[in-house]
PDB file of N, CA and C in Angstrom:
ATOM      1  N   MET A   1      52.776   1.081 -80.863  1.00  0.00           N
ATOM      2  CA  MET A   1      53.320   1.539 -82.141  1.00  0.00           C
ATOM      3  C   MET A   1      54.811   1.221 -82.166  1.00  0.00           C
ATOM      4  N   ASP A   2      55.328   0.621 -83.252  1.00  0.00           N
ATOM      5  CA  ASP A   2      56.752   0.344 -83.273  1.00  0.00           C
ATOM      6  C   ASP A   2      57.528   1.559 -83.765  1.00  0.00           C
ATOM      7  N   ASN A   3      58.807   1.606 -83.404  1.00  0.00           N
ATOM      8  CA  ASN A   3      59.630   2.785 -83.694  1.00  0.00           C
ATOM      9  C   ASN A   3      59.827   3.020 -85.179  1.00  0.00           C
ATOM     10  N   GLU A   4      59.836   1.971 -85.984  1.00  0.00           N
ATOM     11  CA  GLU A   4      60.035   2.150 -87.416  1.00  0.00           C
ATOM     12  C   GLU A   4      58.904   2.973 -88.021  1.00  0.00           C
ATOM     13  N   ASN A   5      57.658   2.689 -87.671  1.00  0.00           N
ATOM     14  CA  ASN A   5      56.531   3.453 -88.189  1.00  0.00           C
ATOM     15  C   ASN A   5      56.514   4.865 -87.636  1.00  0.00           C
ATOM     16  N   ALA A   6      56.968   5.061 -86.401  1.00  0.00           N
ATOM     17  CA  ALA A   6      56.978   6.385 -85.786  1.00  0.00           C
ATOM     18  C   ALA A   6      57.940   7.311 -86.511  1.00  0.00           C
ATOM     19  N   LEU A   7      58.994   6.750 -87.125  1.00  0.00           N
ATOM     20  CA  LEU A   7      59.997   7.576 -87.789  1.00  0.00           C
ATOM     21  C   LEU A   7      59.717   7.792 -89.271  1.00  0.00           C
ATOM     22  N   GLU A   8      58.759   7.081 -89.829  1.00  0.00           N
ATOM     23  CA  GLU A   8      58.424   7.246 -91.237  1.00  0.00           C
ATOM     24  C   GLU A   8      57.760   8.595 -91.471  1.00  0.00           C
ATOM     25  N   LYS A   9      58.093   9.193 -92.616  1.00  0.00           N
ATOM     26  CA  LYS A   9      57.514  10.478 -92.985  1.00  0.00           C
ATOM     27  C   LYS A   9      56.636  10.289 -94.211  1.00  0.00           C
ATOM     28  N   ASP A  10      55.568  11.094 -94.285  1.00  0.00           N
ATOM     29  CA  ASP A  10      54.769  11.138 -95.501  1.00  0.00           C
ATOM     30  C   ASP A  10      55.472  12.103 -96.442  1.00  0.00           C
ATOM     31  N   VAL A  11      56.014  11.577 -97.523  1.00  0.00           N
ATOM     32  CA  VAL A  11      56.814  12.373 -98.455  1.00  0.00           C
ATOM     33  C   VAL A  11      56.140  12.360 -99.821  1.00  0.00           C
ATOM     34  N   ILE A  12      56.111  13.540-100.449  1.00  0.00           N
ATOM     35  CA  ILE A  12      55.605  13.643-101.819  1.00  0.00           C
ATOM     36  C   ILE A  12      56.630  14.371-102.674  1.00  0.00           C
ATOM     37  N   SER A  13      56.607  14.113-103.961  1.00  0.00           N
ATOM     38  CA  SER A  13      57.477  14.785-104.923  1.00  0.00           C
ATOM     39  C   SER A  13      56.619  15.688-105.790  1.00  0.00           C
ATOM     40  N   LEU A  14      57.091  16.908-105.979  1.00  0.00           N
ATOM     41  CA  LEU A  14      56.391  17.876-106.821  1.00  0.00           C
ATOM     42  C   LEU A  14      57.343  18.413-107.869  1.00  0.00           C
ATOM     43  N   LEU A  15      56.816  18.720-109.044  1.00  0.00           N
ATOM     44  CA  LEU A  15      57.609  19.334-110.105  1.00  0.00           C
ATOM     45  C   LEU A  15      57.378  20.833-110.103  1.00  0.00           C
ATOM     46  N   ASP A  16      58.462  21.603-110.214  1.00  0.00           N
ATOM     47  CA  ASP A  16      58.317  23.056-110.308  1.00  0.00           C
ATOM     48  C   ASP A  16      58.061  23.449-111.764  1.00  0.00           C
ATOM     49  N   GLU A  17      57.987  24.748-112.023  1.00  0.00           N
ATOM     50  CA  GLU A  17      57.665  25.247-113.369  1.00  0.00           C
ATOM     51  C   GLU A  17      58.698  24.831-114.402  1.00  0.00           C
ATOM     52  N   GLU A  18      59.947  24.578-113.952  1.00  0.00           N
ATOM     53  CA  GLU A  18      61.005  24.195-114.877  1.00  0.00           C
ATOM     54  C   GLU A  18      61.133  22.681-115.020  1.00  0.00           C
ATOM     55  N   GLY A  19      60.218  21.928-114.386  1.00  0.00           N
ATOM     56  CA  GLY A  19      60.239  20.480-114.483  1.00  0.00           C
ATOM     57  C   GLY A  19      61.196  19.815-113.512  1.00  0.00           C
ATOM     58  N   LYS A  20      61.761  20.579-112.580  1.00  0.00           N
ATOM     59  CA  LYS A  20      62.677  20.027-111.585  1.00  0.00           C
ATOM     60  C   LYS A  20      61.873  19.436-110.431  1.00  0.00           C
ATOM     61  N   GLU A  21      62.262  18.234-109.992  1.00  0.00           N
ATOM     62  CA  GLU A  21      61.542  17.537-108.929  1.00  0.00           C
ATOM     63  C   GLU A  21      62.065  17.964-107.557  1.00  0.00           C
ATOM     64  N   HIS A  22      61.133  18.188-106.620  1.00  0.00           N
ATOM     65  CA  HIS A  22      61.456  18.550-105.245  1.00  0.00           C
ATOM     66  C   HIS A  22      60.657  17.644-104.314  1.00  0.00           C
ATOM     67  N   GLU A  23      61.283  17.215-103.220  1.00  0.00           N
ATOM     68  CA  GLU A  23      60.588  16.371-102.257  1.00  0.00           C
ATOM     69  C   GLU A  23      60.193  17.192-101.037  1.00  0.00           C
ATOM     70  N   PHE A  24      59.005  16.873-100.500  1.00  0.00           N
ATOM     71  CA  PHE A  24      58.466  17.561 -99.341  1.00  0.00           C
ATOM     72  C   PHE A  24      57.900  16.550 -98.367  1.00  0.00           C
ATOM     73  N   GLU A  25      58.049  16.848 -97.087  1.00  0.00           N
ATOM     74  CA  GLU A  25      57.363  16.082 -96.054  1.00  0.00           C
ATOM     75  C   GLU A  25      56.016  16.749 -95.818  1.00  0.00           C
ATOM     76  N   ILE A  26      54.964  15.963 -95.706  1.00  0.00           N
ATOM     77  CA  ILE A  26      53.645  16.514 -95.408  1.00  0.00           C
ATOM     78  C   ILE A  26      53.579  16.754 -93.910  1.00  0.00           C
ATOM     79  N   ALA A  27      53.548  18.025 -93.510  1.00  0.00           N
ATOM     80  CA  ALA A  27      53.487  18.384 -92.092  1.00  0.00           C
ATOM     81  C   ALA A  27      52.062  18.263 -91.567  1.00  0.00           C
ATOM     82  N   ASP A  28      51.093  18.644 -92.404  1.00  0.00           N
ATOM     83  CA  ASP A  28      49.696  18.613 -91.982  1.00  0.00           C
ATOM     84  C   ASP A  28      48.809  18.787 -93.206  1.00  0.00           C
ATOM     85  N   ALA A  29      47.571  18.369 -93.071  1.00  0.00           N
ATOM     86  CA  ALA A  29      46.550  18.575 -94.095  1.00  0.00           C
ATOM     87  C   ALA A  29      45.283  18.981 -93.362  1.00  0.00           C
ATOM     88  N   VAL A  30      44.543  19.902 -93.957  1.00  0.00           N
ATOM     89  CA  VAL A  30      43.352  20.418 -93.304  1.00  0.00           C
ATOM     90  C   VAL A  30      42.309  20.773 -94.352  1.00  0.00           C
ATOM     91  N   GLU A  31      41.043  20.768 -93.935  1.00  0.00           N
ATOM     92  CA  GLU A  31      39.953  21.211 -94.794  1.00  0.00           C
ATOM     93  C   GLU A  31      39.387  22.497 -94.211  1.00  0.00           C
ATOM     94  N   MET A  32      39.160  23.479 -95.068  1.00  0.00           N
ATOM     95  CA  MET A  32      38.570  24.744 -94.663  1.00  0.00           C
ATOM     96  C   MET A  32      37.585  25.169 -95.741  1.00  0.00           C
ATOM     97  N   ASP A  33      36.359  25.458 -95.350  1.00  0.00           N
ATOM     98  CA  ASP A  33      35.325  25.895 -96.288  1.00  0.00           C
ATOM     99  C   ASP A  33      35.164  24.923 -97.460  1.00  0.00           C
ATOM    100  N   GLY A  34      35.253  23.623 -97.173  1.00  0.00           N
ATOM    101  CA  GLY A  34      35.059  22.611 -98.202  1.00  0.00           C
ATOM    102  C   GLY A  34      36.236  22.413 -99.129  1.00  0.00           C
ATOM    103  N   GLN A  35      37.364  23.055 -98.852  1.00  0.00           N
ATOM    104  CA  GLN A  35      38.559  22.954 -99.695  1.00  0.00           C
ATOM    105  C   GLN A  35      39.689  22.336 -98.876  1.00  0.00           C
ATOM    106  N   GLU A  36      40.473  21.453 -99.483  1.00  0.00           N
ATOM    107  CA  GLU A  36      41.598  20.812 -98.787  1.00  0.00           C
ATOM    108  C   GLU A  36      42.893  21.575 -99.046  1.00  0.00           C
ATOM    109  N   TYR A  37      43.757  21.603 -98.010  1.00  0.00           N
ATOM    110  CA  TYR A  37      45.053  22.275 -98.082  1.00  0.00           C
ATOM    111  C   TYR A  37      46.111  21.393 -97.449  1.00  0.00           C
ATOM    112  N   MET A  38      47.367  21.589 -97.870  1.00  0.00           N
ATOM    113  CA  MET A  38      48.491  20.856 -97.286  1.00  0.00           C
ATOM    114  C   MET A  38      49.596  21.826 -96.900  1.00  0.00           C
ATOM    115  N   ALA A  39      50.215  21.548 -95.738  1.00  0.00           N
ATOM    116  CA  ALA A  39      51.407  22.270 -95.303  1.00  0.00           C
ATOM    117  C   ALA A  39      52.583  21.321 -95.504  1.00  0.00           C
ATOM    118  N   LEU A  40      53.578  21.768 -96.242  1.00  0.00           N
ATOM    119  CA  LEU A  40      54.709  20.922 -96.622  1.00  0.00           C
ATOM    120  C   LEU A  40      56.021  21.512 -96.122  1.00  0.00           C
ATOM    121  N   ILE A  41      56.967  20.627 -95.824  1.00  0.00           N
ATOM    122  CA  ILE A  41      58.315  21.026 -95.413  1.00  0.00           C
ATOM    123  C   ILE A  41      59.278  20.515 -96.479  1.00  0.00           C
ATOM    124  N   PRO A  42      60.097  21.414 -97.058  1.00  0.00           N
ATOM    125  CA  PRO A  42      61.052  20.962 -98.073  1.00  0.00           C
ATOM    126  C   PRO A  42      62.059  19.972 -97.482  1.00  0.00           C
ATOM    127  N   LEU A  43      62.396  18.938 -98.247  1.00  0.00           N
ATOM    128  CA  LEU A  43      63.428  17.975 -97.867  1.00  0.00           C
ATOM    129  C   LEU A  43      64.614  18.153 -98.807  1.00  0.00           C
ATOM    130  N   TYR A  44      65.808  17.904 -98.284  1.00  0.00           N
ATOM    131  CA  TYR A  44      67.018  18.119 -99.062  1.00  0.00           C
ATOM    132  C   TYR A  44      67.878  16.865 -99.059  1.00  0.00           C
ATOM    133  N   ASP A  45      68.568  16.630-100.188  1.00  0.00           N
ATOM    134  CA  ASP A  45      69.479  15.497-100.298  1.00  0.00           C
ATOM    135  C   ASP A  45      70.752  15.726 -99.486  1.00  0.00           C
ATOM    136  N   HIS A  46      71.155  16.986 -99.391  1.00  0.00           N
ATOM    137  CA  HIS A  46      72.396  17.327 -98.702  1.00  0.00           C
ATOM    138  C   HIS A  46      72.069  18.171 -97.474  1.00  0.00           C
ATOM    139  N   PRO A  47      72.522  17.766 -96.287  1.00  0.00           N
ATOM    140  CA  PRO A  47      72.200  18.493 -95.042  1.00  0.00           C
ATOM    141  C   PRO A  47      72.576  19.975 -95.088  1.00  0.00           C
ATOM    142  N   GLU A  48      73.654  20.331 -95.784  1.00  0.00           N
ATOM    143  CA  GLU A  48      74.064  21.737 -95.841  1.00  0.00           C
ATOM    144  C   GLU A  48      73.032  22.606 -96.563  1.00  0.00           C
ATOM    145  N   ASP A  49      72.268  22.012 -97.485  1.00  0.00           N
ATOM    146  CA  ASP A  49      71.214  22.759 -98.178  1.00  0.00           C
ATOM    147  C   ASP A  49      70.105  23.174 -97.219  1.00  0.00           C
ATOM    148  N   SER A  50      69.795  22.319 -96.246  1.00  0.00           N
ATOM    149  CA  SER A  50      68.729  22.639 -95.299  1.00  0.00           C
ATOM    150  C   SER A  50      69.120  23.795 -94.399  1.00  0.00           C
ATOM    151  N   LEU A  51      70.419  24.013 -94.193  1.00  0.00           N
ATOM    152  CA  LEU A  51      70.873  25.136 -93.365  1.00  0.00           C
ATOM    153  C   LEU A  51      70.621  26.471 -94.047  1.00  0.00           C
ATOM    154  N   GLU A  52      70.579  26.464 -95.376  1.00  0.00           N
ATOM    155  CA  GLU A  52      70.333  27.688 -96.135  1.00  0.00           C
ATOM    156  C   GLU A  52      68.841  27.994 -96.279  1.00  0.00           C
ATOM    157  N   ASP A  53      67.982  27.045 -95.937  1.00  0.00           N
ATOM    158  CA  ASP A  53      66.535  27.196 -96.063  1.00  0.00           C
ATOM    159  C   ASP A  53      66.006  28.098 -94.962  1.00  0.00           C
ATOM    160  N   SER A  54      65.015  28.906 -95.286  1.00  0.00           N
ATOM    161  CA  SER A  54      64.412  29.811 -94.307  1.00  0.00           C
ATOM    162  C   SER A  54      63.531  29.082 -93.305  1.00  0.00           C
ATOM    163  N   GLY A  55      63.209  27.820 -93.581  1.00  0.00           N
ATOM    164  CA  GLY A  55      62.383  27.041 -92.674  1.00  0.00           C
ATOM    165  C   GLY A  55      60.899  27.318 -92.808  1.00  0.00           C
ATOM    166  N   GLU A  56      60.498  27.943 -93.883  1.00  0.00           N
ATOM    167  CA  GLU A  56      59.090  28.257 -94.078  1.00  0.00           C
ATOM    168  C   GLU A  56      58.320  27.025 -94.534  1.00  0.00           C
ATOM    169  N   LEU A  57      57.076  26.934 -94.066  1.00  0.00           N
ATOM    170  CA  LEU A  57      56.177  25.909 -94.571  1.00  0.00           C
ATOM    171  C   LEU A  57      55.698  26.318 -95.955  1.00  0.00           C
ATOM    172  N   VAL A  58      55.523  25.350 -96.814  1.00  0.00           N
ATOM    173  CA  VAL A  58      54.932  25.588 -98.122  1.00  0.00           C
ATOM    174  C   VAL A  58      53.473  25.164 -98.005  1.00  0.00           C
ATOM    175  N   ILE A  59      52.563  26.101 -98.255  1.00  0.00           N
ATOM    176  CA  ILE A  59      51.128  25.818 -98.118  1.00  0.00           C
ATOM    177  C   ILE A  59      50.497  25.846 -99.508  1.00  0.00           C
ATOM    178  N   LEU A  60      49.861  24.737 -99.874  1.00  0.00           N
ATOM    179  CA  LEU A  60      49.246  24.604-101.191  1.00  0.00           C
ATOM    180  C   LEU A  60      47.819  24.099-101.057  1.00  0.00           C
ATOM    181  N   ARG A  61      47.011  24.403-102.064  1.00  0.00           N
ATOM    182  CA  ARG A  61      45.623  23.951-102.131  1.00  0.00           C
ATOM    183  C   ARG A  61      45.568  22.671-102.952  1.00  0.00           C
ATOM    184  N   VAL A  62      44.766  21.711-102.508  1.00  0.00           N
ATOM    185  CA  VAL A  62      44.519  20.503-103.290  1.00  0.00           C
ATOM    186  C   VAL A  62      43.464  20.885-104.328  1.00  0.00           C
ATOM    187  N   SER A  63      43.831  20.787-105.588  1.00  0.00           N
ATOM    188  CA  SER A  63      42.947  21.212-106.665  1.00  0.00           C
ATOM    189  C   SER A  63      41.688  20.358-106.711  1.00  0.00           C
ATOM    190  N   GLU A  64      40.585  21.002-107.034  1.00  0.00           N
ATOM    191  CA  GLU A  64      39.337  20.274-107.253  1.00  0.00           C
ATOM    192  C   GLU A  64      39.307  19.675-108.656  1.00  0.00           C
ATOM    193  N   ASP A  65      40.151  20.202-109.540  1.00  0.00           N
ATOM    194  CA  ASP A  65      40.262  19.681-110.902  1.00  0.00           C
ATOM    195  C   ASP A  65      41.191  18.479-110.907  1.00  0.00           C
ATOM    196  N   LEU A  66      41.186  17.738-111.987  1.00  0.00           N
ATOM    197  CA  LEU A  66      42.060  16.584-112.139  1.00  0.00           C
ATOM    198  C   LEU A  66      43.046  16.839-113.262  1.00  0.00           C
ATOM    199  N   ASP A  67      44.253  16.259-113.142  1.00  0.00           N
ATOM    200  CA  ASP A  67      45.227  16.396-114.215  1.00  0.00           C
ATOM    201  C   ASP A  67      44.909  15.416-115.341  1.00  0.00           C
ATOM    202  N   GLU A  68      45.783  15.351-116.338  1.00  0.00           N
ATOM    203  CA  GLU A  68      45.519  14.493-117.502  1.00  0.00           C
ATOM    204  C   GLU A  68      45.494  13.006-117.154  1.00  0.00           C
ATOM    205  N   ASP A  69      46.058  12.625-115.995  1.00  0.00           N
ATOM    206  CA  ASP A  69      46.031  11.230-115.552  1.00  0.00           C
ATOM    207  C   ASP A  69      44.830  10.930-114.651  1.00  0.00           C
ATOM    208  N   GLY A  70      43.983  11.944-114.415  1.00  0.00           N
ATOM    209  CA  GLY A  70      42.816  11.755-113.567  1.00  0.00           C
ATOM    210  C   GLY A  70      43.108  11.882-112.085  1.00  0.00           C
ATOM    211  N   ASP A  71      44.276  12.457-111.742  1.00  0.00           N
ATOM    212  CA  ASP A  71      44.670  12.625-110.342  1.00  0.00           C
ATOM    213  C   ASP A  71      44.518  14.078-109.914  1.00  0.00           C
ATOM    214  N   GLN A  72      44.272  14.266-108.618  1.00  0.00           N
ATOM    215  CA  GLN A  72      44.275  15.618-108.075  1.00  0.00           C
ATOM    216  C   GLN A  72      45.708  16.118-108.027  1.00  0.00           C
ATOM    217  N   PHE A  73      45.882  17.430-107.989  1.00  0.00           N
ATOM    218  CA  PHE A  73      47.209  18.009-107.909  1.00  0.00           C
ATOM    219  C   PHE A  73      47.186  19.178-106.936  1.00  0.00           C
ATOM    220  N   LEU A  74      48.365  19.662-106.563  1.00  0.00           N
ATOM    221  CA  LEU A  74      48.486  20.789-105.643  1.00  0.00           C
ATOM    222  C   LEU A  74      48.739  22.047-106.441  1.00  0.00           C
ATOM    223  N   GLU A  75      48.145  23.166-105.972  1.00  0.00           N
ATOM    224  CA  GLU A  75      48.305  24.433-106.670  1.00  0.00           C
ATOM    225  C   GLU A  75      48.552  25.552-105.670  1.00  0.00           C
ATOM    226  N   ALA A  76      49.200  26.599-106.145  1.00  0.00           N
ATOM    227  CA  ALA A  76      49.467  27.767-105.308  1.00  0.00           C
ATOM    228  C   ALA A  76      48.155  28.462-104.955  1.00  0.00           C
ATOM    229  N   ILE A  77      48.139  29.108-103.805  1.00  0.00           N
ATOM    230  CA  ILE A  77      46.969  29.878-103.371  1.00  0.00           C
ATOM    231  C   ILE A  77      47.222  31.329-103.771  1.00  0.00           C
ATOM    232  N   GLU A  78      46.491  31.805-104.759  1.00  0.00           N
ATOM    233  CA  GLU A  78      46.701  33.154-105.296  1.00  0.00           C
ATOM    234  C   GLU A  78      46.055  34.239-104.438  1.00  0.00           C
ATOM    235  N   ASP A  79      44.933  33.936-103.816  1.00  0.00           N
ATOM    236  CA  ASP A  79      44.195  34.915-103.027  1.00  0.00           C
ATOM    237  C   ASP A  79      44.874  35.107-101.669  1.00  0.00           C
ATOM    238  N   GLU A  80      45.340  36.329-101.391  1.00  0.00           N
ATOM    239  CA  GLU A  80      46.086  36.615-100.167  1.00  0.00           C
ATOM    240  C   GLU A  80      45.250  36.382 -98.905  1.00  0.00           C
ATOM    241  N   GLU A  81      43.987  36.756 -98.936  1.00  0.00           N
ATOM    242  CA  GLU A  81      43.107  36.553 -97.777  1.00  0.00           C
ATOM    243  C   GLU A  81      42.918  35.062 -97.492  1.00  0.00           C
ATOM    244  N   GLU A  82      42.690  34.280 -98.543  1.00  0.00           N
ATOM    245  CA  GLU A  82      42.549  32.831 -98.387  1.00  0.00           C
ATOM    246  C   GLU A  82      43.841  32.236 -97.810  1.00  0.00           C
ATOM    247  N   TYR A  83      44.990  32.648 -98.362  1.00  0.00           N
ATOM    248  CA  TYR A  83      46.275  32.145 -97.890  1.00  0.00           C
ATOM    249  C   TYR A  83      46.480  32.480 -96.409  1.00  0.00           C
ATOM    250  N   ASP A  84      46.202  33.714 -96.028  1.00  0.00           N
ATOM    251  CA  ASP A  84      46.376  34.136 -94.637  1.00  0.00           C
ATOM    252  C   ASP A  84      45.504  33.320 -93.687  1.00  0.00           C
ATOM    253  N   ARG A  85      44.265  33.062 -94.074  1.00  0.00           N
ATOM    254  CA  ARG A  85      43.357  32.272 -93.225  1.00  0.00           C
ATOM    255  C   ARG A  85      43.866  30.839 -93.062  1.00  0.00           C
ATOM    256  N   VAL A  86      44.325  30.237 -94.157  1.00  0.00           N
ATOM    257  CA  VAL A  86      44.835  28.869 -94.105  1.00  0.00           C
ATOM    258  C   VAL A  86      46.138  28.819 -93.314  1.00  0.00           C
ATOM    259  N   ALA A  87      47.022  29.789 -93.534  1.00  0.00           N
ATOM    260  CA  ALA A  87      48.293  29.826 -92.805  1.00  0.00           C
ATOM    261  C   ALA A  87      48.051  29.951 -91.305  1.00  0.00           C
ATOM    262  N   GLU A  88      47.111  30.788 -90.915  1.00  0.00           N
ATOM    263  CA  GLU A  88      46.776  30.945 -89.499  1.00  0.00           C
ATOM    264  C   GLU A  88      46.243  29.639 -88.911  1.00  0.00           C
ATOM    265  N   LEU A  89      45.429  28.939 -89.676  1.00  0.00           N
ATOM    266  CA  LEU A  89      44.893  27.656 -89.234  1.00  0.00           C
ATOM    267  C   LEU A  89      46.023  26.645 -89.021  1.00  0.00           C
ATOM    268  N   PHE A  90      46.933  26.550 -89.988  1.00  0.00           N
ATOM    269  CA  PHE A  90      48.061  25.628 -89.854  1.00  0.00           C
ATOM    270  C   PHE A  90      48.956  26.030 -88.677  1.00  0.00           C
ATOM    271  N   MET A  91      49.208  27.312 -88.508  1.00  0.00           N
ATOM    272  CA  MET A  91      50.058  27.764 -87.405  1.00  0.00           C
ATOM    273  C   MET A  91      49.463  27.348 -86.062  1.00  0.00           C
ATOM    274  N   GLY A  92      48.166  27.468 -85.910  1.00  0.00           N
ATOM    275  CA  GLY A  92      47.512  27.056 -84.678  1.00  0.00           C
ATOM    276  C   GLY A  92      47.625  25.561 -84.452  1.00  0.00           C
ATOM    277  N   ARG A  93      47.510  24.796 -85.525  1.00  0.00           N
ATOM    278  CA  ARG A  93      47.558  23.337 -85.414  1.00  0.00           C
ATOM    279  C   ARG A  93      48.980  22.822 -85.191  1.00  0.00           C
ATOM    280  N   LEU A  94      49.986  23.545 -85.701  1.00  0.00           N
ATOM    281  CA  LEU A  94      51.361  23.049 -85.673  1.00  0.00           C
ATOM    282  C   LEU A  94      52.266  23.756 -84.666  1.00  0.00           C
ATOM    283  N   GLU A  95      51.724  24.719 -83.909  1.00  0.00           N
ATOM    284  CA  GLU A  95      52.574  25.499 -83.015  1.00  0.00           C
ATOM    285  C   GLU A  95      53.276  24.660 -81.958  1.00  0.00           C
ATOM    286  N   GLU A  96      52.727  23.500 -81.637  1.00  0.00           N
ATOM    287  CA  GLU A  96      53.353  22.608 -80.672  1.00  0.00           C
ATOM    288  C   GLU A  96      54.661  22.018 -81.228  1.00  0.00           C
ATOM    289  N   TYR A  97      54.766  21.907 -82.546  1.00  0.00           N
ATOM    290  CA  TYR A  97      55.902  21.261 -83.189  1.00  0.00           C
ATOM    291  C   TYR A  97      56.900  22.224 -83.831  1.00  0.00           C
ATOM    292  N   PHE A  98      56.473  23.453 -84.111  1.00  0.00           N
ATOM    293  CA  PHE A  98      57.313  24.417 -84.806  1.00  0.00           C
ATOM    294  C   PHE A  98      57.288  25.760 -84.089  1.00  0.00           C
ATOM    295  N   ASP A  99      58.398  26.507 -84.203  1.00  0.00           N
ATOM    296  CA  ASP A  99      58.438  27.881 -83.714  1.00  0.00           C
ATOM    297  C   ASP A  99      58.179  28.793 -84.908  1.00  0.00           C
ATOM    298  N   PHE A 100      57.049  29.483 -84.875  1.00  0.00           N
ATOM    299  CA  PHE A 100      56.695  30.378 -85.972  1.00  0.00           C
ATOM    300  C   PHE A 100      57.087  31.799 -85.617  1.00  0.00           C
ATOM    301  N   GLU A 101      57.624  32.507 -86.594  1.00  0.00           N
ATOM    302  CA  GLU A 101      57.936  33.917 -86.432  1.00  0.00           C
ATOM    303  C   GLU A 101      57.002  34.706 -87.331  1.00  0.00           C
ATOM    304  N   GLU A 102      56.408  35.745 -86.771  1.00  0.00           N
ATOM    305  CA  GLU A 102      55.544  36.608 -87.573  1.00  0.00           C
ATOM    306  C   GLU A 102      56.421  37.477 -88.456  1.00  0.00           C
ATOM    307  N   GLU A 103      56.067  37.564 -89.737  1.00  0.00           N
ATOM    308  CA  GLU A 103      56.803  38.417 -90.657  1.00  0.00           C
ATOM    309  C   GLU A 103      56.270  39.830 -90.548  1.00  0.00           C
ATOM    310  N   ASP A 104      57.192  40.799 -90.521  1.00  0.00           N
ATOM    311  CA  ASP A 104      56.783  42.208 -90.528  1.00  0.00           C
ATOM    312  C   ASP A 104      56.450  42.581 -91.961  1.00  0.00           C
ATOM    313  N   GLU A 105      55.247  43.114 -92.146  1.00  0.00           N
ATOM    314  CA  GLU A 105      54.859  43.552 -93.475  1.00  0.00           C
ATOM    315  C   GLU A 105      55.398  44.944 -93.691  1.00  0.00           C
ATOM    316  N   GLU A 106      56.146  45.117 -94.785  1.00  0.00           N
ATOM    317  CA  GLU A 106      56.718  46.415 -95.097  1.00  0.00           C
ATOM    318  C   GLU A 106      55.730  47.206 -95.942  1.00  0.00           C
ATOM    319  N   GLU A 107      55.474  48.415 -95.534  1.00  0.00           N
ATOM    320  CA  GLU A 107      54.577  49.298 -96.268  1.00  0.00           C
ATOM    321  C   GLU A 107      55.414  50.230 -97.122  1.00  0.00           C
ATOM    322  N   ASP A 108      55.036  50.440 -98.368  1.00  0.00           N
ATOM    323  CA  ASP A 108      55.770  51.357 -99.266  1.00  0.00           C
ATOM    324  C   ASP A 108      55.199  52.742 -99.169  1.00  0.00           C
TER     325      ASP A 108
END
């Protein structure tokens, strides 16, 4: 494998609700229960912006529906149980590359 290919990242651009474009590196993709998911890492134009980032992975579901152009799209995972199961799966797969911290759940 040559070094140029080893350093290339799989990058995608996503639009937020306000139409602003954000770039993400694809950290991993996995299938669970017949559904595809992606773990993404935010990319920044300015290095100082990355210092302010919490370093959290963004986990999204690959929609089974198609957009108006006939392409699949990524969507938020609304179901907390589904999200937790997928996050745990990604954490197990990526623990060699990332240091994960468990968040303390605050009870009201």
